[in-house]
């Protein structure tokens, strides 16, 4: 069976498309649904008060009627201890490193 150069190029292109789709599928499966994002603005704290993690806006908590303390709790997003980012398609907290000032 003989293949023309054009048909071989077409088969190769189809294999590349299939490989690309497989990679996209595998990457999307590794990010939990509640953390999937495309930009920083897609991500919010995962809790109304003293959040320690982040989720996408589709999974944001309902904070209506809730009051939080003004405490800067350690290990939370309070008082700029962490910044919410969309990294590699996943909502993440980037923790700040603080040195104690004297």
Foldseek 3Di string as FASTA:
>chain_A
DDDDPVVVVVVVVVVVVVVVVVVVVVLVVVEDPFFFDDWQQQKDFQDPEQGQWIGGPVRHDDCPPHDYDLDQDPNGPHPNQWGWTQDSRGTTTHGDDDDDDD
